[in-house]
Amino acid sequence: MPTDTLQRVLLDMVNLGEQEPYGVMGGTLILNFGNADCGNGNLDVFNESLGFSKIGRFPLNTSVTSTFELHLTLYPSTHVKHMVANLIRKLKGKATKIVIGDKFTLTKKKLYRSTTHIN
């Protein structure tokens, strides 16, 4: 994963988690891997209708009940040099390597309702 992409992901995670009761550490990270062409079927749990496969679910702090989920979807690199390298690997009879690109989506899902005070 490119360093600048990792920094953008972390900044976005902090920004989304800052408004929560327990901050960023009160969340759960859901990691997905998107597919550029939505259907080559290389991954075991690929969901073609959603266009991604679920990698895992990671609580950011196991001693706190999660109040939100961050859904991070990473996408493979579409850079020509990675495609050529994989073509050469295929011609040699080796497995292709997945390189994570700089595209990602990060969404937040709250797991609670905010209360409104009526005076």
N, C-alpha and C. Protein backbone atom coordinates (compact mmCIF):
# COMPACT_ATOMS: atom_id res chain seq x y z
N MET A 1 0.85 -1.17 0.00
CA MET A 1 0.00 0.00 0.00
C MET A 1 0.90 1.24 0.00
N PRO A 2 0.61 2.19 -0.87
CA PRO A 2 1.40 3.42 -0.88
C PRO A 2 1.29 4.17 0.45
N THR A 3 2.39 4.77 0.87
CA THR A 3 2.45 5.46 2.16
C THR A 3 1.45 6.60 2.25
N ASP A 4 1.32 7.39 1.17
CA ASP A 4 0.38 8.51 1.21
C ASP A 4 -1.07 8.02 1.33
N THR A 5 -1.37 6.88 0.75
CA THR A 5 -2.71 6.31 0.87
C THR A 5 -2.97 5.88 2.31
N LEU A 6 -1.98 5.26 2.93
CA LEU A 6 -2.11 4.85 4.33
C LEU A 6 -2.35 6.06 5.23
N GLN A 7 -1.63 7.14 4.98
CA GLN A 7 -1.82 8.36 5.76
C GLN A 7 -3.21 8.94 5.57
N ARG A 8 -3.72 8.93 4.33
CA ARG A 8 -5.08 9.43 4.07
C ARG A 8 -6.13 8.57 4.78
N VAL A 9 -5.94 7.25 4.76
CA VAL A 9 -6.87 6.35 5.45
C VAL A 9 -6.88 6.66 6.95
N LEU A 10 -5.71 6.78 7.54
CA LEU A 10 -5.63 7.04 8.98
C LEU A 10 -6.24 8.39 9.34
N LEU A 11 -5.98 9.42 8.55
CA LEU A 11 -6.57 10.74 8.82
C LEU A 11 -8.10 10.68 8.72
N ASP A 12 -8.60 10.00 7.71
CA ASP A 12 -10.06 9.86 7.56
C ASP A 12 -10.66 9.09 8.73
N MET A 13 -9.98 8.03 9.18
CA MET A 13 -10.48 7.25 10.31
C MET A 13 -10.55 8.12 11.57
N VAL A 14 -9.52 8.91 11.81
CA VAL A 14 -9.50 9.78 12.99
C VAL A 14 -10.61 10.83 12.88
N ASN A 15 -10.77 11.43 11.71
CA ASN A 15 -11.82 12.44 11.53
C ASN A 15 -13.21 11.87 11.75
N LEU A 16 -13.46 10.67 11.25
CA LEU A 16 -14.78 10.05 11.42
C LEU A 16 -15.02 9.60 12.86
N GLY A 17 -13.97 9.20 13.56
CA GLY A 17 -14.12 8.69 14.91
C GLY A 17 -14.12 9.75 16.00
N GLU A 18 -13.66 10.95 15.68
CA GLU A 18 -13.55 11.99 16.71
C GLU A 18 -14.89 12.40 17.31
N GLN A 19 -15.97 12.32 16.55
CA GLN A 19 -17.27 12.75 17.05
C GLN A 19 -17.98 11.68 17.88
N GLU A 20 -17.38 10.52 18.01
CA GLU A 20 -18.02 9.42 18.70
C GLU A 20 -17.77 9.47 20.21
N PRO A 21 -18.66 8.84 21.01
CA PRO A 21 -18.52 8.87 22.47
C PRO A 21 -17.17 8.39 22.99
N TYR A 22 -16.61 7.33 22.42
CA TYR A 22 -15.33 6.79 22.86
C TYR A 22 -14.20 7.14 21.90
N GLY A 23 -14.44 8.02 20.96
CA GLY A 23 -13.43 8.38 19.98
C GLY A 23 -13.17 7.26 18.99
N VAL A 24 -12.04 7.33 18.35
CA VAL A 24 -11.69 6.33 17.34
C VAL A 24 -11.63 4.93 17.94
N MET A 25 -11.15 4.83 19.17
CA MET A 25 -10.97 3.51 19.79
C MET A 25 -12.30 2.85 20.17
N GLY A 26 -13.39 3.55 20.00
CA GLY A 26 -14.69 2.96 20.29
C GLY A 26 -15.35 2.35 19.06
N GLY A 27 -14.56 2.08 18.05
CA GLY A 27 -15.12 1.56 16.80
C GLY A 27 -14.60 0.19 16.43
N THR A 28 -15.16 -0.33 15.36
CA THR A 28 -14.74 -1.60 14.78
C THR A 28 -14.41 -1.34 13.32
N LEU A 29 -13.26 -1.81 12.88
CA LEU A 29 -12.86 -1.67 11.49
C LEU A 29 -13.29 -2.90 10.71
N ILE A 30 -14.06 -2.69 9.67
CA ILE A 30 -14.46 -3.77 8.76
C ILE A 30 -13.63 -3.58 7.50
N LEU A 31 -12.76 -4.53 7.20
CA LEU A 31 -11.86 -4.41 6.06
C LEU A 31 -12.36 -5.24 4.89
N ASN A 32 -12.52 -4.58 3.75
CA ASN A 32 -12.98 -5.24 2.52
C ASN A 32 -11.94 -5.02 1.43
N PHE A 33 -11.97 -5.90 0.43
CA PHE A 33 -11.11 -5.73 -0.73
C PHE A 33 -11.99 -5.67 -1.95
N GLY A 34 -12.02 -4.51 -2.60
CA GLY A 34 -12.83 -4.34 -3.80
C GLY A 34 -12.14 -4.94 -5.00
N ASN A 35 -12.92 -5.18 -6.02
CA ASN A 35 -12.37 -5.76 -7.22
C ASN A 35 -12.56 -4.77 -8.36
N ALA A 36 -11.49 -4.48 -9.07
CA ALA A 36 -11.53 -3.48 -10.14
C ALA A 36 -12.53 -3.86 -11.22
N ASP A 37 -12.62 -5.16 -11.56
CA ASP A 37 -13.54 -5.55 -12.61
C ASP A 37 -14.76 -6.30 -12.08
N CYS A 38 -14.94 -6.33 -10.78
CA CYS A 38 -16.14 -6.90 -10.13
C CYS A 38 -16.53 -8.28 -10.63
N GLY A 39 -15.61 -9.19 -10.71
CA GLY A 39 -16.07 -10.51 -11.08
C GLY A 39 -15.02 -11.47 -11.56
N ASN A 40 -13.74 -11.26 -11.29
CA ASN A 40 -12.79 -12.27 -11.74
C ASN A 40 -12.75 -13.45 -10.79
N GLY A 41 -13.36 -13.33 -9.61
CA GLY A 41 -13.56 -14.46 -8.72
C GLY A 41 -12.31 -15.04 -8.10
N ASN A 42 -11.23 -14.28 -7.97
CA ASN A 42 -10.00 -14.81 -7.40
C ASN A 42 -10.10 -15.06 -5.90
N LEU A 43 -10.95 -14.32 -5.19
CA LEU A 43 -11.01 -14.44 -3.75
C LEU A 43 -12.16 -15.35 -3.33
N ASP A 44 -11.95 -16.07 -2.23
CA ASP A 44 -12.89 -17.11 -1.80
C ASP A 44 -14.28 -16.56 -1.46
N VAL A 45 -14.35 -15.47 -0.74
CA VAL A 45 -15.64 -14.97 -0.27
C VAL A 45 -16.10 -13.76 -1.07
N PHE A 46 -15.78 -13.74 -2.36
CA PHE A 46 -16.14 -12.62 -3.21
C PHE A 46 -17.65 -12.54 -3.38
N ASN A 47 -18.19 -11.35 -3.19
CA ASN A 47 -19.62 -11.12 -3.35
C ASN A 47 -19.82 -10.27 -4.60
N GLU A 48 -20.21 -10.90 -5.72
CA GLU A 48 -20.30 -10.18 -6.98
C GLU A 48 -21.34 -9.07 -6.95
N SER A 49 -22.42 -9.23 -6.20
CA SER A 49 -23.45 -8.20 -6.17
C SER A 49 -22.95 -6.93 -5.47
N LEU A 50 -22.02 -7.07 -4.52
CA LEU A 50 -21.48 -5.92 -3.81
C LEU A 50 -20.17 -5.42 -4.41
N GLY A 51 -19.47 -6.25 -5.16
CA GLY A 51 -18.22 -5.85 -5.79
C GLY A 51 -17.02 -5.87 -4.87
N PHE A 52 -17.10 -6.57 -3.75
CA PHE A 52 -15.96 -6.68 -2.85
C PHE A 52 -16.02 -7.97 -2.07
N SER A 53 -14.90 -8.32 -1.44
CA SER A 53 -14.88 -9.47 -0.54
C SER A 53 -14.47 -8.98 0.84
N LYS A 54 -15.04 -9.58 1.85
CA LYS A 54 -14.76 -9.18 3.23
C LYS A 54 -13.49 -9.87 3.71
N ILE A 55 -12.55 -9.07 4.20
CA ILE A 55 -11.29 -9.61 4.71
C ILE A 55 -11.41 -9.93 6.20
N GLY A 56 -11.98 -9.01 6.96
CA GLY A 56 -12.09 -9.24 8.39
C GLY A 56 -12.75 -8.11 9.14
N ARG A 57 -12.97 -8.37 10.42
CA ARG A 57 -13.63 -7.42 11.32
C ARG A 57 -12.71 -7.28 12.53
N PHE A 58 -12.28 -6.03 12.79
CA PHE A 58 -11.26 -5.80 13.81
C PHE A 58 -11.72 -4.74 14.80
N PRO A 59 -12.07 -5.12 16.04
CA PRO A 59 -12.39 -4.11 17.06
C PRO A 59 -11.13 -3.31 17.37
N LEU A 60 -11.26 -1.98 17.43
CA LEU A 60 -10.10 -1.15 17.68
C LEU A 60 -9.71 -1.13 19.16
N ASN A 61 -10.67 -1.47 20.04
CA ASN A 61 -10.38 -1.61 21.47
C ASN A 61 -11.34 -2.66 22.01
N THR A 62 -10.83 -3.81 22.38
CA THR A 62 -11.69 -4.92 22.81
C THR A 62 -12.32 -4.69 24.18
N SER A 63 -11.83 -3.72 24.94
CA SER A 63 -12.40 -3.48 26.27
C SER A 63 -13.53 -2.45 26.25
N VAL A 64 -13.86 -1.92 25.07
CA VAL A 64 -14.93 -0.93 24.93
C VAL A 64 -15.95 -1.47 23.95
N THR A 65 -17.24 -1.28 24.27
CA THR A 65 -18.29 -1.67 23.34
C THR A 65 -18.27 -0.73 22.14
N SER A 66 -18.24 -1.29 20.94
CA SER A 66 -18.18 -0.47 19.73
C SER A 66 -19.46 0.33 19.57
N THR A 67 -19.28 1.62 19.25
CA THR A 67 -20.43 2.49 19.00
C THR A 67 -20.58 2.79 17.52
N PHE A 68 -19.59 2.39 16.71
CA PHE A 68 -19.67 2.60 15.27
C PHE A 68 -18.76 1.62 14.55
N GLU A 69 -19.00 1.48 13.26
CA GLU A 69 -18.17 0.65 12.39
C GLU A 69 -17.59 1.53 11.29
N LEU A 70 -16.34 1.31 10.99
CA LEU A 70 -15.71 1.94 9.84
C LEU A 70 -15.52 0.87 8.78
N HIS A 71 -16.15 1.06 7.63
CA HIS A 71 -16.05 0.10 6.53
C HIS A 71 -15.00 0.63 5.55
N LEU A 72 -13.84 -0.02 5.54
CA LEU A 72 -12.74 0.36 4.66
C LEU A 72 -12.65 -0.64 3.52
N THR A 73 -12.77 -0.13 2.29
CA THR A 73 -12.63 -0.99 1.12
C THR A 73 -11.41 -0.52 0.35
N LEU A 74 -10.45 -1.41 0.19
CA LEU A 74 -9.24 -1.15 -0.57
C LEU A 74 -9.40 -1.75 -1.95
N TYR A 75 -8.78 -1.14 -2.95
CA TYR A 75 -8.90 -1.60 -4.33
C TYR A 75 -7.53 -1.95 -4.90
N PRO A 76 -7.47 -2.90 -5.83
CA PRO A 76 -6.17 -3.28 -6.41
C PRO A 76 -5.63 -2.18 -7.32
N SER A 77 -4.33 -2.19 -7.48
CA SER A 77 -3.68 -1.23 -8.36
C SER A 77 -4.03 -1.55 -9.81
N THR A 78 -4.26 -0.50 -10.59
CA THR A 78 -4.51 -0.68 -12.03
C THR A 78 -3.34 -0.11 -12.82
N HIS A 79 -2.21 0.06 -12.15
CA HIS A 79 -1.01 0.59 -12.80
C HIS A 79 -0.50 -0.43 -13.81
N VAL A 80 -0.09 0.06 -14.96
CA VAL A 80 0.34 -0.81 -16.05
C VAL A 80 1.51 -1.70 -15.64
N LYS A 81 2.46 -1.17 -14.88
CA LYS A 81 3.63 -1.99 -14.52
C LYS A 81 3.22 -3.19 -13.67
N HIS A 82 2.19 -3.05 -12.83
CA HIS A 82 1.72 -4.19 -12.03
C HIS A 82 1.00 -5.22 -12.91
N MET A 83 0.26 -4.73 -13.90
CA MET A 83 -0.43 -5.65 -14.81
C MET A 83 0.56 -6.44 -15.66
N VAL A 84 1.60 -5.76 -16.13
CA VAL A 84 2.62 -6.44 -16.94
C VAL A 84 3.38 -7.45 -16.09
N ALA A 85 3.72 -7.07 -14.87
CA ALA A 85 4.43 -7.99 -13.98
C ALA A 85 3.59 -9.24 -13.72
N ASN A 86 2.28 -9.07 -13.53
CA ASN A 86 1.42 -10.24 -13.32
C ASN A 86 1.28 -11.08 -14.59
N LEU A 87 1.27 -10.45 -15.74
CA LEU A 87 1.22 -11.21 -17.00
C LEU A 87 2.48 -12.07 -17.13
N ILE A 88 3.62 -11.50 -16.82
CA ILE A 88 4.87 -12.26 -16.88
C ILE A 88 4.86 -13.41 -15.87
N ARG A 89 4.33 -13.15 -14.68
CA ARG A 89 4.23 -14.21 -13.67
C ARG A 89 3.34 -15.35 -14.17
N LYS A 90 2.22 -14.98 -14.82
CA LYS A 90 1.32 -16.02 -15.36
C LYS A 90 2.01 -16.85 -16.43
N LEU A 91 2.76 -16.17 -17.31
CA LEU A 91 3.47 -16.89 -18.38
C LEU A 91 4.52 -17.84 -17.82
N LYS A 92 5.07 -17.52 -16.66
CA LYS A 92 6.05 -18.39 -16.01
C LYS A 92 5.38 -19.48 -15.17
N GLY A 93 4.05 -19.46 -15.11
CA GLY A 93 3.33 -20.48 -14.34
C GLY A 93 3.23 -20.17 -12.86
N LYS A 94 3.49 -18.93 -12.49
CA LYS A 94 3.41 -18.53 -11.09
C LYS A 94 2.09 -17.82 -10.82
N ALA A 95 1.73 -17.77 -9.55
CA ALA A 95 0.50 -17.08 -9.16
C ALA A 95 0.69 -15.57 -9.26
N THR A 96 -0.39 -14.87 -9.58
CA THR A 96 -0.32 -13.42 -9.65
C THR A 96 -0.26 -12.83 -8.25
N LYS A 97 0.26 -11.62 -8.15
CA LYS A 97 0.33 -10.91 -6.88
C LYS A 97 -0.65 -9.75 -6.92
N ILE A 98 -1.36 -9.56 -5.83
CA ILE A 98 -2.29 -8.45 -5.74
C ILE A 98 -1.56 -7.28 -5.08
N VAL A 99 -1.56 -6.15 -5.76
CA VAL A 99 -0.92 -4.94 -5.24
C VAL A 99 -2.05 -3.95 -4.93
N ILE A 100 -2.05 -3.43 -3.71
CA ILE A 100 -3.09 -2.49 -3.32
C ILE A 100 -2.76 -1.13 -3.91
N GLY A 101 -3.75 -0.53 -4.55
CA GLY A 101 -3.57 0.77 -5.19
C GLY A 101 -3.87 1.91 -4.24
N ASP A 102 -4.03 3.09 -4.81
CA ASP A 102 -4.25 4.27 -3.98
C ASP A 102 -5.72 4.63 -3.82
N LYS A 103 -6.62 3.85 -4.41
CA LYS A 103 -8.05 4.11 -4.24
C LYS A 103 -8.59 3.36 -3.03
N PHE A 104 -9.49 4.01 -2.30
CA PHE A 104 -10.15 3.37 -1.18
C PHE A 104 -11.45 4.10 -0.89
N THR A 105 -12.36 3.42 -0.21
CA THR A 105 -13.57 4.07 0.30
C THR A 105 -13.64 3.78 1.80
N LEU A 106 -14.09 4.78 2.55
CA LEU A 106 -14.22 4.64 3.99
C LEU A 106 -15.55 5.25 4.39
N THR A 107 -16.41 4.42 4.98
CA THR A 107 -17.72 4.90 5.42
C THR A 107 -17.92 4.52 6.88
N LYS A 108 -18.75 5.32 7.54
CA LYS A 108 -19.02 5.07 8.96
C LYS A 108 -20.48 4.68 9.12
N LYS A 109 -20.70 3.67 9.96
CA LYS A 109 -22.05 3.23 10.30
C LYS A 109 -22.18 3.30 11.81
N LYS A 110 -23.10 4.14 12.28
CA LYS A 110 -23.32 4.25 13.72
C LYS A 110 -24.11 3.04 14.21
N LEU A 111 -23.79 2.59 15.40
CA LEU A 111 -24.47 1.43 15.98
C LEU A 111 -25.40 1.84 17.11
N TYR A 112 -25.73 3.12 17.17
CA TYR A 112 -26.62 3.62 18.23
C TYR A 112 -27.42 4.78 17.67
N ARG A 113 -28.46 5.14 18.38
CA ARG A 113 -29.25 6.32 18.03
C ARG A 113 -28.83 7.45 18.94
N SER A 114 -28.66 8.62 18.38
CA SER A 114 -28.34 9.76 19.24
C SER A 114 -29.63 10.24 19.88
N THR A 115 -29.54 10.63 21.13
CA THR A 115 -30.73 11.07 21.87
C THR A 115 -30.92 12.56 21.68
N THR A 116 -32.16 12.97 21.59
CA THR A 116 -32.48 14.39 21.48
C THR A 116 -33.23 14.80 22.73
N HIS A 117 -32.83 15.90 23.28
CA HIS A 117 -33.49 16.40 24.49
C HIS A 117 -34.56 17.42 24.09
N ILE A 118 -35.79 17.18 24.54
CA ILE A 118 -36.89 18.10 24.27
C ILE A 118 -37.21 18.83 25.58
N ASN A 119 -37.13 20.12 25.56
CA ASN A 119 -37.42 20.92 26.77
C ASN A 119 -38.82 21.45 26.74
